[in-house]
Amino acid sequence: MQFLLNVGAEKSGTTWLHNYFKEHPQFHDIGKELNAIQRDDLVPSFAPDFGYRACISAYFSHISKLNKTTGDFTHYEGSTENVYRLLKSGLGQYDIDVVPVYIMRDPIKRAWSAWNMLAGGYDFDMPPPAFQLTVNYLQCKYKETIEALDNVFSNPLYFFYEDFFRQEHVDLICNELEIPNHPVNNTPINKGSYDSEVPEDFVTKFCMTSKTRDAVHFVFERFSNAPWNIEDYTKFEVKA
């Protein structure tokens, strides 16, 4: 039995992918963004009326009893290796293999979409505490996520939002899950209307942290098919 772990990134096609598998006849949908495990080392306890989410052991046990391919579409981006190892070992005790899927999007466009999802608008002035929280939320987490996935799993599947919505890509995921291919609707959903030009003030304030620039360089070194414009990031680097 296989288990699809949709890692993220946020605003990068996770809703579309969940919608695809929700309609797949050989896939059991247990919901989206269950948050049975958070993106850090916290493994929360839930109230008894949450049923199989009452505790993490119940979560693993419930999945094992489905006897059908299923998955979790929570944003695990930025998680430590400990979280991924917990998922792998917890499901592994029931002979369930985890297939991680990570979809990345141009960090500037992803951050702008996420910002507007939170009704950010064009007013970028905010008190220092709110500013720092926003920077932490919007900066790119691709590097640590990829490194953690590579260290835990032998079969992570990596995609880029810009060319993800194609039959061949979901066919690859279905093959790893060992279920038949199913036709796709290649129209992105829930992507927001913020793919137009991103304000320069937003880019400089919230996107161009050293962490984001390092993550972009890491992705370009790790993948030969990264579809972003590297010059959008290198122009912010301080020249020696």
C-alpha atoms as a PDB file:
ATOM      1  CA  MET A   1       0.000   0.000   0.000  1.00  0.00           C
ATOM      2  CA  GLN A   2       1.193   3.507  -0.859  1.00  0.00           C
ATOM      3  CA  PHE A   3       0.620   6.878   0.814  1.00  0.00           C
ATOM      4  CA  LEU A   4       0.922  10.225  -0.989  1.00  0.00           C
ATOM      5  CA  LEU A   5       2.539  12.930   1.129  1.00  0.00           C
ATOM      6  CA  ASN A   6       1.819  16.256  -0.575  1.00  0.00           C
ATOM      7  CA  VAL A   7       4.460  18.465   1.028  1.00  0.00           C
ATOM      8  CA  GLY A   8       3.542  21.821  -0.599  1.00  0.00           C
ATOM      9  CA  ALA A   9       4.569  24.512  -1.286  1.00  0.00           C
ATOM     10  CA  GLU A  10       1.627  26.714  -0.394  1.00  0.00           C
ATOM     11  CA  LYS A  11      -0.031  28.437  -3.377  1.00  0.00           C
ATOM     12  CA  SER A  12       1.710  26.016  -5.711  1.00  0.00           C
ATOM     13  CA  GLY A  13      -1.009  23.647  -6.892  1.00  0.00           C
ATOM     14  CA  THR A  14      -1.726  21.576  -3.792  1.00  0.00           C
ATOM     15  CA  THR A  15      -5.487  22.208  -4.015  1.00  0.00           C
ATOM     16  CA  TRP A  16      -5.475  21.165  -7.669  1.00  0.00           C
ATOM     17  CA  LEU A  17      -3.581  17.973  -6.860  1.00  0.00           C
ATOM     18  CA  HIS A  18      -5.945  17.152  -4.004  1.00  0.00           C
ATOM     19  CA  ASN A  19      -8.913  17.736  -6.288  1.00  0.00           C
ATOM     20  CA  TYR A  20      -7.412  15.392  -8.875  1.00  0.00           C
ATOM     21  CA  PHE A  21      -6.941  12.538  -6.396  1.00  0.00           C
ATOM     22  CA  LYS A  22     -10.279  13.173  -4.718  1.00  0.00           C
ATOM     23  CA  GLU A  23     -11.872  12.245  -8.050  1.00  0.00           C
ATOM     24  CA  HIS A  24      -9.522   9.333  -8.740  1.00  0.00           C
ATOM     25  CA  PRO A  25     -11.468   6.030  -8.508  1.00  0.00           C
ATOM     26  CA  GLN A  26      -8.521   4.178  -6.945  1.00  0.00           C
ATOM     27  CA  PHE A  27      -7.738   6.774  -4.282  1.00  0.00           C
ATOM     28  CA  HIS A  28      -9.427   7.146  -0.880  1.00  0.00           C
ATOM     29  CA  ASP A  29      -9.752  10.818   0.059  1.00  0.00           C
ATOM     30  CA  ILE A  30      -9.380  11.451   3.795  1.00  0.00           C
ATOM     31  CA  GLY A  31      -9.523  15.235   3.404  1.00  0.00           C
ATOM     32  CA  LYS A  32      -7.229  18.198   2.884  1.00  0.00           C
ATOM     33  CA  GLU A  33      -5.038  20.001   5.427  1.00  0.00           C
ATOM     34  CA  LEU A  34      -5.758  17.592   8.260  1.00  0.00           C
ATOM     35  CA  ASN A  35      -2.793  18.895  10.255  1.00  0.00           C
ATOM     36  CA  ALA A  36      -2.433  15.620  12.101  1.00  0.00           C
ATOM     37  CA  ILE A  37       1.244  16.508  12.232  1.00  0.00           C
ATOM     38  CA  GLN A  38       2.420  20.097  12.036  1.00  0.00           C
ATOM     39  CA  ARG A  39       5.391  21.350   9.992  1.00  0.00           C
ATOM     40  CA  ASP A  40       7.733  21.377  12.974  1.00  0.00           C
ATOM     41  CA  ASP A  41       8.545  18.973  15.783  1.00  0.00           C
ATOM     42  CA  LEU A  42       5.172  19.486  17.473  1.00  0.00           C
ATOM     43  CA  VAL A  43       2.912  16.455  17.361  1.00  0.00           C
ATOM     44  CA  PRO A  44      -0.349  17.802  18.783  1.00  0.00           C
ATOM     45  CA  SER A  45      -3.078  16.021  20.705  1.00  0.00           C
ATOM     46  CA  PHE A  46      -6.640  16.470  19.490  1.00  0.00           C
ATOM     47  CA  ALA A  47      -9.954  16.275  21.290  1.00  0.00           C
ATOM     48  CA  PRO A  48     -11.590  12.799  21.317  1.00  0.00           C
ATOM     49  CA  ASP A  49     -14.320  13.940  18.905  1.00  0.00           C
ATOM     50  CA  PHE A  50     -11.669  14.284  16.210  1.00  0.00           C
ATOM     51  CA  GLY A  51     -11.881  10.501  15.803  1.00  0.00           C
ATOM     52  CA  TYR A  52      -8.805   9.103  14.059  1.00  0.00           C
ATOM     53  CA  ARG A  53      -7.015  12.404  14.726  1.00  0.00           C
ATOM     54  CA  ALA A  54      -7.324  11.918  18.478  1.00  0.00           C
ATOM     55  CA  CYS A  55      -3.633  11.060  18.482  1.00  0.00           C
ATOM     56  CA  ILE A  56      -0.951  10.350  15.941  1.00  0.00           C
ATOM     57  CA  SER A  57      -1.045   6.601  16.599  1.00  0.00           C
ATOM     58  CA  ALA A  58      -4.764   6.584  15.813  1.00  0.00           C
ATOM     59  CA  TYR A  59      -4.004   8.500  12.619  1.00  0.00           C
ATOM     60  CA  PHE A  60      -1.575   5.830  11.432  1.00  0.00           C
ATOM     61  CA  SER A  61      -3.905   3.016  12.491  1.00  0.00           C
ATOM     62  CA  HIS A  62      -6.850   4.556  10.665  1.00  0.00           C
ATOM     63  CA  ILE A  63      -4.876   4.819   7.431  1.00  0.00           C
ATOM     64  CA  SER A  64      -3.744   1.199   7.697  1.00  0.00           C
ATOM     65  CA  LYS A  65      -7.363   0.002   7.904  1.00  0.00           C
ATOM     66  CA  LEU A  66      -8.401   1.751   4.690  1.00  0.00           C
ATOM     67  CA  ASN A  67      -6.656  -0.909   2.618  1.00  0.00           C
ATOM     68  CA  LYS A  68      -6.576   1.584  -0.250  1.00  0.00           C
ATOM     69  CA  THR A  69      -4.126   4.192  -1.514  1.00  0.00           C
ATOM     70  CA  THR A  70      -4.641   7.517   0.232  1.00  0.00           C
ATOM     71  CA  GLY A  71      -2.672  10.623   1.174  1.00  0.00           C
ATOM     72  CA  ASP A  72      -2.261  13.757   3.240  1.00  0.00           C
ATOM     73  CA  PHE A  73      -2.395  17.172   1.544  1.00  0.00           C
ATOM     74  CA  THR A  74      -1.130  19.262   4.438  1.00  0.00           C
ATOM     75  CA  HIS A  75       1.646  21.809   3.877  1.00  0.00           C
ATOM     76  CA  TYR A  76       4.652  20.028   5.377  1.00  0.00           C
ATOM     77  CA  GLU A  77       7.043  22.497   3.767  1.00  0.00           C
ATOM     78  CA  GLY A  78       9.773  23.572   6.169  1.00  0.00           C
ATOM     79  CA  SER A  79       9.370  20.493   8.357  1.00  0.00           C
ATOM     80  CA  THR A  80      12.384  18.994  10.041  1.00  0.00           C
ATOM     81  CA  GLU A  81      13.651  15.526   9.236  1.00  0.00           C
ATOM     82  CA  ASN A  82      12.051  14.382  12.488  1.00  0.00           C
ATOM     83  CA  VAL A  83       8.547  14.989  11.133  1.00  0.00           C
ATOM     84  CA  TYR A  84       9.244  13.123   7.909  1.00  0.00           C
ATOM     85  CA  ARG A  85      10.872  10.257   9.791  1.00  0.00           C
ATOM     86  CA  LEU A  86       7.858  10.084  12.094  1.00  0.00           C
ATOM     87  CA  LEU A  87       5.540   9.779   9.103  1.00  0.00           C
ATOM     88  CA  LYS A  88       7.748   7.226   7.401  1.00  0.00           C
ATOM     89  CA  SER A  89       8.175   5.012  10.473  1.00  0.00           C
ATOM     90  CA  GLY A  90       4.576   5.398  11.650  1.00  0.00           C
ATOM     91  CA  LEU A  91       3.171   4.234   8.340  1.00  0.00           C
ATOM     92  CA  GLY A  92       6.016   1.816   7.746  1.00  0.00           C
ATOM     93  CA  GLN A  93       4.959  -0.277  10.723  1.00  0.00           C
ATOM     94  CA  TYR A  94       1.888  -1.157   8.632  1.00  0.00           C
ATOM     95  CA  ASP A  95       3.943  -1.780   5.471  1.00  0.00           C
ATOM     96  CA  ILE A  96       2.746   1.467   3.925  1.00  0.00           C
ATOM     97  CA  ASP A  97       5.281   3.246   1.712  1.00  0.00           C
ATOM     98  CA  VAL A  98       5.303   7.059   1.615  1.00  0.00           C
ATOM     99  CA  VAL A  99       5.575   8.837  -1.752  1.00  0.00           C
ATOM    100  CA  PRO A 100       6.461  12.511  -1.101  1.00  0.00           C
ATOM    101  CA  VAL A 101       5.411  15.077  -3.712  1.00  0.00           C
ATOM    102  CA  TYR A 102       6.821  18.597  -3.503  1.00  0.00           C
ATOM    103  CA  ILE A 103       5.646  21.312  -5.928  1.00  0.00           C
ATOM    104  CA  MET A 104       7.672  24.526  -5.985  1.00  0.00           C
ATOM    105  CA  ARG A 105       6.778  27.894  -7.477  1.00  0.00           C
ATOM    106  CA  ASP A 106       8.814  30.990  -8.287  1.00  0.00           C
ATOM    107  CA  PRO A 107       9.316  32.319  -4.728  1.00  0.00           C
ATOM    108  CA  ILE A 108       8.411  35.891  -5.670  1.00  0.00           C
ATOM    109  CA  LYS A 109       5.132  34.873  -7.299  1.00  0.00           C
ATOM    110  CA  ARG A 110       4.362  32.379  -4.526  1.00  0.00           C
ATOM    111  CA  ALA A 111       4.954  34.976  -1.811  1.00  0.00           C
ATOM    112  CA  TRP A 112       2.829  37.569  -3.614  1.00  0.00           C
ATOM    113  CA  SER A 113      -0.010  35.091  -3.994  1.00  0.00           C
ATOM    114  CA  ALA A 114       0.237  34.034  -0.343  1.00  0.00           C
ATOM    115  CA  TRP A 115       0.358  37.678   0.789  1.00  0.00           C
ATOM    116  CA  ASN A 116      -2.822  38.496  -1.127  1.00  0.00           C
ATOM    117  CA  MET A 117      -4.528  35.330   0.074  1.00  0.00           C
ATOM    118  CA  LEU A 118      -4.170  36.926   3.518  1.00  0.00           C
ATOM    119  CA  ALA A 119      -5.681  40.170   2.143  1.00  0.00           C
ATOM    120  CA  GLY A 120      -2.308  41.919   2.230  1.00  0.00           C
ATOM    121  CA  GLY A 121      -3.004  44.304  -0.644  1.00  0.00           C
ATOM    122  CA  TYR A 122      -0.562  47.063  -1.593  1.00  0.00           C
ATOM    123  CA  ASP A 123       0.058  48.547   1.846  1.00  0.00           C
ATOM    124  CA  PHE A 124       3.408  47.163   3.006  1.00  0.00           C
ATOM    125  CA  ASP A 125       3.885  49.342   6.088  1.00  0.00           C
ATOM    126  CA  MET A 126       3.486  47.466   9.366  1.00  0.00           C
ATOM    127  CA  PRO A 127       4.871  47.453  12.930  1.00  0.00           C
ATOM    128  CA  PRO A 128       8.229  45.661  13.379  1.00  0.00           C
ATOM    129  CA  PRO A 129       6.799  42.517  15.066  1.00  0.00           C
ATOM    130  CA  ALA A 130       4.232  42.033  12.317  1.00  0.00           C
ATOM    131  CA  PHE A 131       6.884  42.726   9.689  1.00  0.00           C
ATOM    132  CA  GLN A 132       9.205  40.060  11.088  1.00  0.00           C
ATOM    133  CA  LEU A 133       6.411  37.497  11.280  1.00  0.00           C
ATOM    134  CA  THR A 134       5.462  38.237   7.693  1.00  0.00           C
ATOM    135  CA  VAL A 135       9.045  37.911   6.474  1.00  0.00           C
ATOM    136  CA  ASN A 136       9.387  34.567   8.260  1.00  0.00           C
ATOM    137  CA  TYR A 137       6.139  33.372   6.710  1.00  0.00           C
ATOM    138  CA  LEU A 138       6.884  34.477   3.155  1.00  0.00           C
ATOM    139  CA  GLN A 139      10.571  33.677   2.795  1.00  0.00           C
ATOM    140  CA  CYS A 140      11.458  30.601   0.788  1.00  0.00           C
ATOM    141  CA  LYS A 141      11.806  27.236   2.571  1.00  0.00           C
ATOM    142  CA  TYR A 142      12.762  25.134  -0.436  1.00  0.00           C
ATOM    143  CA  LYS A 143      16.350  24.397   0.560  1.00  0.00           C
ATOM    144  CA  GLU A 144      15.705  22.924   4.015  1.00  0.00           C
ATOM    145  CA  THR A 145      12.630  21.059   2.769  1.00  0.00           C
ATOM    146  CA  ILE A 146      14.458  19.378  -0.113  1.00  0.00           C
ATOM    147  CA  GLU A 147      17.417  18.470   2.089  1.00  0.00           C
ATOM    148  CA  ALA A 148      15.121  16.936   4.706  1.00  0.00           C
ATOM    149  CA  LEU A 149      13.147  14.964   2.111  1.00  0.00           C
ATOM    150  CA  ASP A 150      16.314  13.719   0.407  1.00  0.00           C
ATOM    151  CA  ASN A 151      17.723  12.572   3.750  1.00  0.00           C
ATOM    152  CA  VAL A 152      14.608  10.611   4.728  1.00  0.00           C
ATOM    153  CA  PHE A 153      13.093   9.252   1.514  1.00  0.00           C
ATOM    154  CA  SER A 154      14.550   7.481  -1.480  1.00  0.00           C
ATOM    155  CA  ASN A 155      11.780   8.544  -3.839  1.00  0.00           C
ATOM    156  CA  PRO A 156      10.750  12.206  -3.458  1.00  0.00           C
ATOM    157  CA  LEU A 157       9.018  13.593  -6.536  1.00  0.00           C
ATOM    158  CA  TYR A 158       9.842  17.230  -7.282  1.00  0.00           C
ATOM    159  CA  PHE A 159       7.868  19.467  -9.634  1.00  0.00           C
ATOM    160  CA  PHE A 160       7.601  23.119 -10.595  1.00  0.00           C
ATOM    161  CA  TYR A 161       4.257  24.879 -10.512  1.00  0.00           C
ATOM    162  CA  GLU A 162       4.945  26.693 -13.782  1.00  0.00           C
ATOM    163  CA  ASP A 163       4.736  23.479 -15.829  1.00  0.00           C
ATOM    164  CA  PHE A 164       3.138  21.079 -13.370  1.00  0.00           C
ATOM    165  CA  PHE A 165      -0.464  20.843 -14.630  1.00  0.00           C
ATOM    166  CA  ARG A 166       0.126  18.138 -17.210  1.00  0.00           C
ATOM    167  CA  GLN A 167      -0.999  14.565 -17.639  1.00  0.00           C
ATOM    168  CA  GLU A 168       2.548  13.211 -17.695  1.00  0.00           C
ATOM    169  CA  HIS A 169       3.271  14.588 -14.231  1.00  0.00           C
ATOM    170  CA  VAL A 170       0.234  13.119 -12.494  1.00  0.00           C
ATOM    171  CA  ASP A 171       0.867   9.888 -14.403  1.00  0.00           C
ATOM    172  CA  LEU A 172       4.297   9.789 -12.770  1.00  0.00           C
ATOM    173  CA  ILE A 173       2.732  10.238  -9.329  1.00  0.00           C
ATOM    174  CA  CYS A 174       0.131   7.552 -10.048  1.00  0.00           C
ATOM    175  CA  ASN A 175       2.862   5.160 -11.178  1.00  0.00           C
ATOM    176  CA  GLU A 176       4.745   5.688  -7.899  1.00  0.00           C
ATOM    177  CA  LEU A 177       1.494   5.114  -5.997  1.00  0.00           C
ATOM    178  CA  GLU A 178       0.908   1.965  -8.053  1.00  0.00           C
ATOM    179  CA  ILE A 179      -2.570   3.015  -9.161  1.00  0.00           C
ATOM    180  CA  PRO A 180      -3.913   3.445 -12.718  1.00  0.00           C
ATOM    181  CA  ASN A 181      -3.511   6.760 -14.496  1.00  0.00           C
ATOM    182  CA  HIS A 182      -6.570   8.997 -14.545  1.00  0.00           C
ATOM    183  CA  PRO A 183      -7.375  11.910 -16.924  1.00  0.00           C
ATOM    184  CA  VAL A 184      -6.604  15.399 -15.651  1.00  0.00           C
ATOM    185  CA  ASN A 185      -8.275  18.761 -15.904  1.00  0.00           C
ATOM    186  CA  ASN A 186      -5.162  20.822 -16.578  1.00  0.00           C
ATOM    187  CA  THR A 187      -6.665  24.103 -15.401  1.00  0.00           C
ATOM    188  CA  PRO A 188      -5.083  25.339 -12.137  1.00  0.00           C
ATOM    189  CA  ILE A 189      -7.573  26.065  -9.361  1.00  0.00           C
ATOM    190  CA  ASN A 190      -7.343  28.225  -6.264  1.00  0.00           C
ATOM    191  CA  LYS A 191      -4.250  29.937  -7.637  1.00  0.00           C
ATOM    192  CA  GLY A 192      -5.464  33.452  -6.985  1.00  0.00           C
ATOM    193  CA  SER A 193      -5.316  36.337  -9.430  1.00  0.00           C
ATOM    194  CA  TYR A 194      -1.858  37.599  -8.504  1.00  0.00           C
ATOM    195  CA  ASP A 195       0.286  36.292 -11.340  1.00  0.00           C
ATOM    196  CA  SER A 196       0.650  39.785 -12.769  1.00  0.00           C
ATOM    197  CA  GLU A 197       3.568  42.114 -12.061  1.00  0.00           C
ATOM    198  CA  VAL A 198       4.663  42.041  -8.418  1.00  0.00           C
ATOM    199  CA  PRO A 199       5.342  45.474  -6.851  1.00  0.00           C
ATOM    200  CA  GLU A 200       9.049  46.147  -6.399  1.00  0.00           C
ATOM    201  CA  ASP A 201       8.460  47.348  -2.830  1.00  0.00           C
ATOM    202  CA  PHE A 202       6.946  43.986  -1.966  1.00  0.00           C
ATOM    203  CA  VAL A 203       9.872  42.113  -3.493  1.00  0.00           C
ATOM    204  CA  THR A 204      12.514  44.094  -1.631  1.00  0.00           C
ATOM    205  CA  LYS A 205      10.672  44.060   1.700  1.00  0.00           C
ATOM    206  CA  PHE A 206       9.470  40.482   1.904  1.00  0.00           C
ATOM    207  CA  CYS A 207      11.051  38.292  -0.778  1.00  0.00           C
ATOM    208  CA  MET A 208      14.718  39.153  -0.952  1.00  0.00           C
ATOM    209  CA  THR A 209      15.979  37.791   2.331  1.00  0.00           C
ATOM    210  CA  SER A 210      19.321  35.989   2.205  1.00  0.00           C
ATOM    211  CA  LYS A 211      17.405  32.788   2.992  1.00  0.00           C
ATOM    212  CA  THR A 212      15.273  33.181  -0.111  1.00  0.00           C
ATOM    213  CA  ARG A 213      18.253  33.981  -2.339  1.00  0.00           C
ATOM    214  CA  ASP A 214      20.177  30.981  -0.959  1.00  0.00           C
ATOM    215  CA  ALA A 215      17.154  28.763  -1.586  1.00  0.00           C
ATOM    216  CA  VAL A 216      16.877  29.907  -5.199  1.00  0.00           C
ATOM    217  CA  HIS A 217      20.580  29.241  -5.839  1.00  0.00           C
ATOM    218  CA  PHE A 218      20.177  25.815  -4.241  1.00  0.00           C
ATOM    219  CA  VAL A 219      17.240  24.957  -6.493  1.00  0.00           C
ATOM    220  CA  PHE A 220      19.116  26.044  -9.636  1.00  0.00           C
ATOM    221  CA  GLU A 221      22.079  23.889  -8.625  1.00  0.00           C
ATOM    222  CA  ARG A 222      19.880  20.924  -7.712  1.00  0.00           C
ATOM    223  CA  PHE A 223      17.566  20.978 -10.749  1.00  0.00           C
ATOM    224  CA  SER A 224      18.450  21.714 -14.362  1.00  0.00           C
ATOM    225  CA  ASN A 225      14.838  22.487 -15.289  1.00  0.00           C
ATOM    226  CA  ALA A 226      14.039  25.267 -12.790  1.00  0.00           C
ATOM    227  CA  PRO A 227      11.789  27.596 -14.850  1.00  0.00           C
ATOM    228  CA  TRP A 228      12.404  30.853 -12.978  1.00  0.00           C
ATOM    229  CA  ASN A 229      14.501  33.863 -13.901  1.00  0.00           C
ATOM    230  CA  ILE A 230      17.641  33.713 -11.763  1.00  0.00           C
ATOM    231  CA  GLU A 231      18.347  37.380 -12.513  1.00  0.00           C
ATOM    232  CA  ASP A 232      15.265  38.337 -10.491  1.00  0.00           C
ATOM    233  CA  TYR A 233      17.277  37.213  -7.450  1.00  0.00           C
ATOM    234  CA  THR A 234      20.923  37.873  -8.270  1.00  0.00           C
ATOM    235  CA  LYS A 235      20.270  41.570  -8.869  1.00  0.00           C
ATOM    236  CA  PHE A 236      19.642  41.965  -5.130  1.00  0.00           C
ATOM    237  CA  GLU A 237      22.945  40.435  -4.102  1.00  0.00           C
ATOM    238  CA  VAL A 238      25.598  42.721  -2.674  1.00  0.00           C
ATOM    239  CA  LYS A 239      28.674  42.732  -4.866  1.00  0.00           C
ATOM    240  CA  ALA A 240      32.037  42.392  -3.096  1.00  0.00           C
END
